[in-house]
Amino acid sequence: MAIVMRVTAVCASAALAIAVAMPARAAIAVVDDAGARIELVAPATRIVTLAPHAAELVYAAGAGARVVGVVAGTDYPVATRSLPVVGDANAIDLERIAMLSPDLIVTWPWTTPAQVSSLRARGIAVFDANARAIAGIADDIEKIGRLTGTAGVATSAANAFRARLARLKAVHRTGAPLRVFYQVSDEPLFTLGGKHLVSQALLLCGGENVFASLSIPAPHVGIEAVLAANPQVIIVGTNNARRPAWLDAWTHWPAIDAVRHRALYTVDANLLHRPGPRFIDGVEQLCATLANARRALTSNVYDPAAARGAADPK
């Protein structure tokens, strides 16, 4: 009997030693938009976001109170404006981030990828939020909800996003698509390529990007290329949809269909240039803008209100 007890004790001790030696199994696992598997042993409680839309995604997922650091330009929700700033799109302060002791970083490929890689090397979980499709934004909200233990809130927000997207798809894809030049800046002249989410939004709203064949996310183009494309509509993305003076410079080329019909519009870049939860607000604004443009092109009547942007930014 004593021998049996000693054998049992030895086996128990060996099992305990093996359990201690083995690394903790991940209780939570998701795959991010870069295809990387993100694993956590417990929900994240201290989060640093390295892109404005990343903070918006975390807040939409119900974990906003856990954000301890952001990058410059993060301004929504309003609560983010008082959080510690750890850098910008060009450089981040690795030591300051380390002092914040994050257990999750939410970023995207355009924020100092080399520095972000060094954070991964330190053992910090990094989630890449760069949706390739509009519906992917809802998926990102849900995945962040799983990483933070706020799945209920995140699922509700994601489903609301999907429902609004479905309604827009059902309503706006009617008639021949309008040829659209989407302008990001004046000098130099930049647009958005076919793989950008804005190009997908244009298709959903009944338009087509005249530079959709370009694979670069934000290509530089020349005025001659715009003239050759002869867009029916020119749309500029600006902060809060403010109309820039340089938009009316296109009137120097009256042969462009968009100029002849005065189809020059602005939309809110804060909504459409960030792949976050408010992107759906930007899509609604874009669809309303193209609907006004279609009416103007059909009736050949200029609507000044429509030309300033179809919907108020939310």
Protein backbone atom coordinates (compact mmCIF):
# COMPACT_ATOMS: atom_id res chain seq x y z
CA MET A 1 0.00 0.00 0.00
CA ALA A 2 2.83 2.35 0.91
CA ILE A 3 4.49 1.63 -2.44
CA VAL A 4 1.25 2.48 -4.29
CA MET A 5 0.94 5.76 -2.39
CA ARG A 6 4.54 6.71 -3.15
CA VAL A 7 4.03 5.93 -6.86
CA THR A 8 0.85 8.01 -6.89
CA ALA A 9 2.61 10.93 -5.23
CA VAL A 10 5.49 10.76 -7.68
CA CYS A 11 3.06 10.74 -10.64
CA ALA A 12 1.15 13.71 -9.25
CA SER A 13 4.38 15.67 -8.74
CA ALA A 14 5.51 14.87 -12.26
CA ALA A 15 2.16 15.98 -13.71
CA LEU A 16 2.33 19.25 -11.78
CA ALA A 17 5.87 19.88 -13.00
CA ILE A 18 4.82 19.28 -16.60
CA ALA A 19 1.83 21.62 -16.22
CA VAL A 20 4.05 24.37 -14.81
CA ALA A 21 6.63 23.91 -17.57
CA MET A 22 4.06 24.05 -20.38
CA PRO A 23 3.15 27.52 -21.71
CA ALA A 24 -0.35 28.72 -20.92
CA ARG A 25 -2.81 27.76 -23.60
CA ALA A 26 -4.46 30.67 -25.38
CA ALA A 27 -8.01 31.12 -24.18
CA ILE A 28 -8.76 33.59 -27.00
CA ALA A 29 -7.62 33.43 -30.62
CA VAL A 30 -8.55 35.40 -33.74
CA VAL A 31 -7.01 35.94 -37.19
CA ASP A 32 -6.42 39.57 -38.13
CA ASP A 33 -6.62 41.27 -41.54
CA ALA A 34 -2.97 40.45 -42.29
CA GLY A 35 -3.70 36.75 -41.77
CA ALA A 36 -1.81 36.58 -38.47
CA ARG A 37 -3.18 34.57 -35.57
CA ILE A 38 -3.56 36.65 -32.41
CA GLU A 39 -3.67 34.72 -29.13
CA LEU A 40 -4.37 35.92 -25.60
CA VAL A 41 -4.62 33.91 -22.38
CA ALA A 42 -7.17 36.42 -21.04
CA PRO A 43 -9.14 39.41 -22.39
CA ALA A 44 -7.01 42.47 -23.07
CA THR A 45 -7.26 45.17 -20.41
CA ARG A 46 -4.68 47.73 -21.62
CA ILE A 47 -4.86 48.67 -25.30
CA VAL A 48 -2.78 51.03 -27.42
CA THR A 49 -4.19 52.02 -30.82
CA LEU A 50 -1.85 53.13 -33.61
CA ALA A 51 -4.37 54.57 -36.09
CA PRO A 52 -7.41 56.80 -35.60
CA HIS A 53 -9.81 54.16 -36.94
CA ALA A 54 -8.27 51.56 -34.63
CA ALA A 55 -9.45 53.52 -31.59
CA GLU A 56 -12.91 53.83 -33.13
CA LEU A 57 -13.05 50.06 -33.63
CA VAL A 58 -12.09 49.37 -30.01
CA TYR A 59 -14.73 51.78 -28.73
CA ALA A 60 -17.36 50.26 -31.02
CA ALA A 61 -16.45 46.84 -29.64
CA GLY A 62 -17.24 48.06 -26.13
CA ALA A 63 -13.67 48.27 -24.85
CA GLY A 64 -13.01 52.00 -25.12
CA ALA A 65 -12.33 52.37 -21.39
CA ARG A 66 -9.31 50.07 -21.84
CA VAL A 67 -7.52 52.28 -24.38
CA VAL A 68 -4.44 53.74 -22.66
CA GLY A 69 -2.63 55.29 -25.62
CA VAL A 70 -3.32 56.60 -29.13
CA VAL A 71 -1.52 58.25 -32.05
CA ALA A 72 -1.78 61.85 -33.19
CA GLY A 73 -4.92 62.53 -35.21
CA THR A 74 -7.09 60.28 -33.08
CA ASP A 75 -10.14 62.43 -32.38
CA TYR A 76 -13.16 60.16 -32.19
CA PRO A 77 -14.86 59.38 -29.90
CA VAL A 78 -14.23 62.63 -28.04
CA ALA A 79 -12.83 60.72 -25.05
CA THR A 80 -9.78 59.75 -27.13
CA ARG A 81 -8.61 63.35 -27.33
CA SER A 82 -7.44 63.31 -23.70
CA LEU A 83 -5.48 60.05 -23.93
CA PRO A 84 -1.67 59.87 -24.01
CA VAL A 85 -0.25 60.26 -27.53
CA VAL A 86 2.49 57.73 -28.33
CA GLY A 87 3.49 59.03 -31.76
CA ASP A 88 2.10 59.47 -35.24
CA ALA A 89 1.98 57.65 -38.57
CA ASN A 90 5.68 58.35 -39.16
CA ALA A 91 7.16 57.35 -35.80
CA ILE A 92 6.01 55.96 -32.48
CA ASP A 93 7.67 56.16 -29.06
CA LEU A 94 8.46 52.54 -28.24
CA GLU A 95 9.59 53.25 -24.70
CA ARG A 96 6.49 55.25 -23.88
CA ILE A 97 4.36 52.42 -25.21
CA ALA A 98 6.31 49.97 -23.05
CA MET A 99 5.66 52.15 -19.99
CA LEU A 100 1.92 51.92 -20.69
CA SER A 101 2.19 48.10 -20.39
CA PRO A 102 -0.29 47.22 -23.16
CA ASP A 103 -1.43 43.64 -23.62
CA LEU A 104 -2.94 44.46 -27.03
CA ILE A 105 -2.03 46.86 -29.83
CA VAL A 106 -4.48 47.60 -32.63
CA THR A 107 -2.86 49.09 -35.73
CA TRP A 108 -2.76 48.92 -39.54
CA PRO A 109 0.02 48.52 -42.14
CA TRP A 110 0.61 52.25 -42.68
CA THR A 111 1.86 53.05 -39.17
CA THR A 112 5.65 52.48 -38.94
CA PRO A 113 5.59 48.73 -39.71
CA ALA A 114 9.22 48.22 -38.62
CA GLN A 115 8.54 49.67 -35.19
CA VAL A 116 5.32 47.66 -34.87
CA SER A 117 7.32 44.52 -35.64
CA SER A 118 9.63 45.35 -32.75
CA LEU A 119 6.59 45.52 -30.46
CA ARG A 120 5.60 42.03 -31.62
CA ALA A 121 9.14 40.89 -30.88
CA ARG A 122 8.64 42.10 -27.29
CA GLY A 123 5.75 39.67 -26.98
CA ILE A 124 2.91 42.19 -27.25
CA ALA A 125 -0.14 40.98 -29.18
CA VAL A 126 -0.71 43.10 -32.30
CA PHE A 127 -4.01 43.10 -34.23
CA ASP A 128 -3.84 44.47 -37.80
CA ALA A 129 -7.16 46.18 -38.60
CA ASN A 130 -7.12 46.84 -42.34
CA ALA A 131 -10.37 45.51 -43.78
CA ARG A 132 -10.20 44.54 -47.45
CA ALA A 133 -13.97 44.75 -47.89
CA ILE A 134 -16.58 47.02 -46.34
CA ALA A 135 -18.19 44.08 -44.55
CA GLY A 136 -14.77 43.30 -43.09
CA ILE A 137 -15.09 46.33 -40.81
CA ALA A 138 -17.92 44.55 -38.98
CA ASP A 139 -15.73 41.46 -38.72
CA ASP A 140 -12.95 43.55 -37.16
CA ILE A 141 -15.35 44.89 -34.53
CA GLU A 142 -16.37 41.35 -33.60
CA LYS A 143 -12.77 40.08 -33.46
CA ILE A 144 -11.70 42.94 -31.20
CA GLY A 145 -14.72 42.16 -29.03
CA ARG A 146 -13.46 38.60 -28.63
CA LEU A 147 -9.96 39.82 -27.75
CA THR A 148 -11.35 42.17 -25.10
CA GLY A 149 -14.10 39.98 -23.67
CA THR A 150 -16.83 42.36 -24.85
CA ALA A 151 -18.30 40.07 -27.49
CA GLY A 152 -21.91 40.99 -26.70
CA VAL A 153 -21.45 44.70 -27.37
CA ALA A 154 -19.21 44.03 -30.35
CA THR A 155 -21.62 41.61 -32.00
CA SER A 156 -24.47 44.08 -31.62
CA ALA A 157 -22.40 46.88 -33.20
CA ALA A 158 -21.21 44.60 -36.00
CA ASN A 159 -24.72 43.43 -36.83
CA ALA A 160 -26.01 47.01 -36.90
CA PHE A 161 -23.21 47.89 -39.34
CA ARG A 162 -24.10 44.91 -41.55
CA ALA A 163 -27.81 45.79 -41.51
CA ARG A 164 -27.12 49.35 -42.68
CA LEU A 165 -24.80 48.05 -45.38
CA ALA A 166 -27.46 45.64 -46.62
CA ARG A 167 -30.05 48.43 -46.80
CA LEU A 168 -27.71 50.60 -48.86
CA LYS A 169 -26.98 47.74 -51.26
CA ALA A 170 -30.70 47.18 -51.75
CA VAL A 171 -31.49 50.82 -52.49
CA HIS A 172 -28.70 52.46 -54.45
CA ARG A 173 -27.46 50.16 -57.21
CA THR A 174 -29.85 51.30 -59.91
CA GLY A 175 -29.19 52.62 -63.41
CA ALA A 176 -25.94 52.80 -65.33
CA PRO A 177 -22.95 53.53 -63.07
CA LEU A 178 -21.71 57.09 -63.00
CA ARG A 179 -18.06 57.71 -63.86
CA VAL A 180 -16.50 59.24 -60.76
CA PHE A 181 -13.15 60.88 -60.13
CA TYR A 182 -12.48 60.74 -56.39
CA GLN A 183 -9.93 63.39 -55.47
CA VAL A 184 -7.85 63.22 -52.29
CA SER A 185 -5.64 66.28 -52.76
CA ASP A 186 -4.90 69.09 -55.21
CA GLU A 187 -1.14 69.58 -55.39
CA PRO A 188 0.05 66.93 -55.87
CA LEU A 189 -3.05 65.42 -57.43
CA PHE A 190 -3.89 62.16 -55.68
CA THR A 191 -6.83 59.80 -56.07
CA LEU A 192 -7.74 56.35 -54.73
CA GLY A 193 -7.13 53.06 -56.51
CA GLY A 194 -9.54 50.26 -57.26
CA LYS A 195 -8.74 48.22 -54.15
CA HIS A 196 -9.53 51.03 -51.75
CA LEU A 197 -12.75 50.70 -49.73
CA VAL A 198 -13.95 54.00 -51.21
CA SER A 199 -13.94 52.38 -54.66
CA GLN A 200 -16.12 49.60 -53.26
CA ALA A 201 -18.43 52.21 -51.76
CA LEU A 202 -18.70 53.97 -55.12
CA LEU A 203 -19.80 50.72 -56.78
CA LEU A 204 -22.33 50.11 -54.03
CA CYS A 205 -23.73 53.63 -54.52
CA GLY A 206 -24.06 53.35 -58.28
CA GLY A 207 -20.76 54.85 -59.35
CA GLU A 208 -17.44 53.60 -60.67
CA ASN A 209 -13.97 54.91 -59.95
CA VAL A 210 -12.43 56.08 -63.25
CA PHE A 211 -9.06 54.98 -61.86
CA ALA A 212 -10.24 51.60 -60.56
CA SER A 213 -7.64 49.85 -62.71
CA LEU A 214 -4.84 51.28 -60.55
CA SER A 215 -3.81 48.87 -57.79
CA ILE A 216 -1.93 51.40 -55.65
CA PRO A 217 -4.16 52.49 -52.72
CA ALA A 218 -3.56 56.23 -53.30
CA PRO A 219 -1.95 56.83 -56.71
CA HIS A 220 -0.67 60.11 -58.09
CA VAL A 221 -2.36 61.06 -61.38
CA GLY A 222 -2.01 63.89 -63.88
CA ILE A 223 -4.64 66.33 -65.07
CA GLU A 224 -4.32 64.85 -68.54
CA ALA A 225 -5.39 61.45 -67.19
CA VAL A 226 -8.46 63.01 -65.56
CA LEU A 227 -9.36 64.79 -68.79
CA ALA A 228 -9.03 61.53 -70.71
CA ALA A 229 -11.25 59.71 -68.20
CA ASN A 230 -13.90 62.46 -68.53
CA PRO A 231 -15.69 61.80 -65.23
CA GLN A 232 -19.35 62.62 -64.90
CA VAL A 233 -18.87 63.41 -61.22
CA ILE A 234 -15.90 64.76 -59.27
CA ILE A 235 -15.94 64.11 -55.52
CA VAL A 236 -13.38 65.43 -53.04
CA GLY A 237 -12.86 63.96 -49.58
CA THR A 238 -12.05 66.69 -47.04
CA ASN A 239 -12.16 67.24 -43.29
CA ASN A 240 -15.83 67.53 -42.32
CA ALA A 241 -16.74 67.80 -46.03
CA ARG A 242 -15.56 71.42 -46.21
CA ARG A 243 -15.51 72.59 -49.81
CA PRO A 244 -11.94 73.57 -50.80
CA ALA A 245 -11.39 76.55 -53.11
CA TRP A 246 -9.31 74.37 -55.44
CA LEU A 247 -12.29 72.15 -56.27
CA ASP A 248 -13.63 74.89 -58.54
CA ALA A 249 -10.33 74.95 -60.44
CA TRP A 250 -11.82 72.16 -62.54
CA THR A 251 -14.04 74.77 -64.19
CA HIS A 252 -10.97 75.65 -66.28
CA TRP A 253 -11.75 72.49 -68.25
CA PRO A 254 -15.40 72.93 -69.29
CA ALA A 255 -15.29 69.89 -71.58
CA ILE A 256 -15.32 67.54 -68.59
CA ASP A 257 -18.82 66.18 -68.12
CA ALA A 258 -18.69 66.83 -64.37
CA VAL A 259 -17.89 70.50 -65.02
CA ARG A 260 -20.57 70.93 -67.68
CA HIS A 261 -23.18 69.60 -65.26
CA ARG A 262 -21.60 71.29 -62.22
CA ALA A 263 -21.31 67.88 -60.56
CA LEU A 264 -18.52 68.87 -58.17
CA TYR A 265 -19.06 67.58 -54.63
CA THR A 266 -17.40 67.13 -51.24
CA VAL A 267 -17.76 64.33 -48.69
CA ASP A 268 -16.30 63.83 -45.21
CA ALA A 269 -12.86 62.19 -45.35
CA ASN A 270 -13.02 61.51 -41.61
CA LEU A 271 -15.72 58.99 -42.38
CA LEU A 272 -14.62 57.54 -45.71
CA HIS A 273 -10.85 57.47 -45.32
CA ARG A 274 -10.93 55.49 -42.06
CA PRO A 275 -11.88 51.78 -42.21
CA GLY A 276 -13.73 51.99 -38.92
CA PRO A 277 -17.32 51.86 -37.67
CA ARG A 278 -18.21 55.32 -39.04
CA PHE A 279 -17.30 54.25 -42.57
CA ILE A 280 -20.94 53.25 -43.02
CA ASP A 281 -21.92 56.87 -42.26
CA GLY A 282 -19.56 57.91 -45.03
CA VAL A 283 -21.09 55.40 -47.43
CA GLU A 284 -24.56 56.80 -46.71
CA GLN A 285 -23.24 60.29 -47.41
CA LEU A 286 -21.55 59.13 -50.60
CA CYS A 287 -24.69 57.36 -51.83
CA ALA A 288 -26.78 60.45 -51.18
CA THR A 289 -24.22 62.57 -53.04
CA LEU A 290 -24.29 60.29 -56.09
CA ALA A 291 -28.09 60.22 -56.00
CA ASN A 292 -28.09 64.02 -56.17
CA ALA A 293 -25.50 63.92 -58.95
CA ARG A 294 -27.62 61.48 -60.94
CA ARG A 295 -30.63 63.78 -60.62
CA ALA A 296 -28.54 66.79 -61.65
CA LEU A 297 -27.13 64.96 -64.67
CA THR A 298 -30.58 63.82 -65.69
CA SER A 299 -32.31 67.16 -65.27
CA ASN A 300 -29.26 69.27 -66.06
CA VAL A 301 -30.29 71.48 -63.15
CA TYR A 302 -27.64 72.64 -60.74
CA ASP A 303 -28.43 72.07 -57.05
CA PRO A 304 -26.12 74.27 -54.93
CA ALA A 305 -26.96 72.40 -51.73
CA ALA A 306 -26.13 69.09 -53.35
CA ALA A 307 -22.89 70.47 -54.70
CA ARG A 308 -21.73 71.31 -51.18
CA GLY A 309 -22.21 67.66 -50.10
CA ALA A 310 -25.34 65.63 -49.87
CA ALA A 311 -25.46 64.70 -46.21
CA ASP A 312 -24.36 66.17 -42.93
CA PRO A 313 -21.43 64.24 -41.42
CA LYS A 314 -22.36 62.25 -38.34
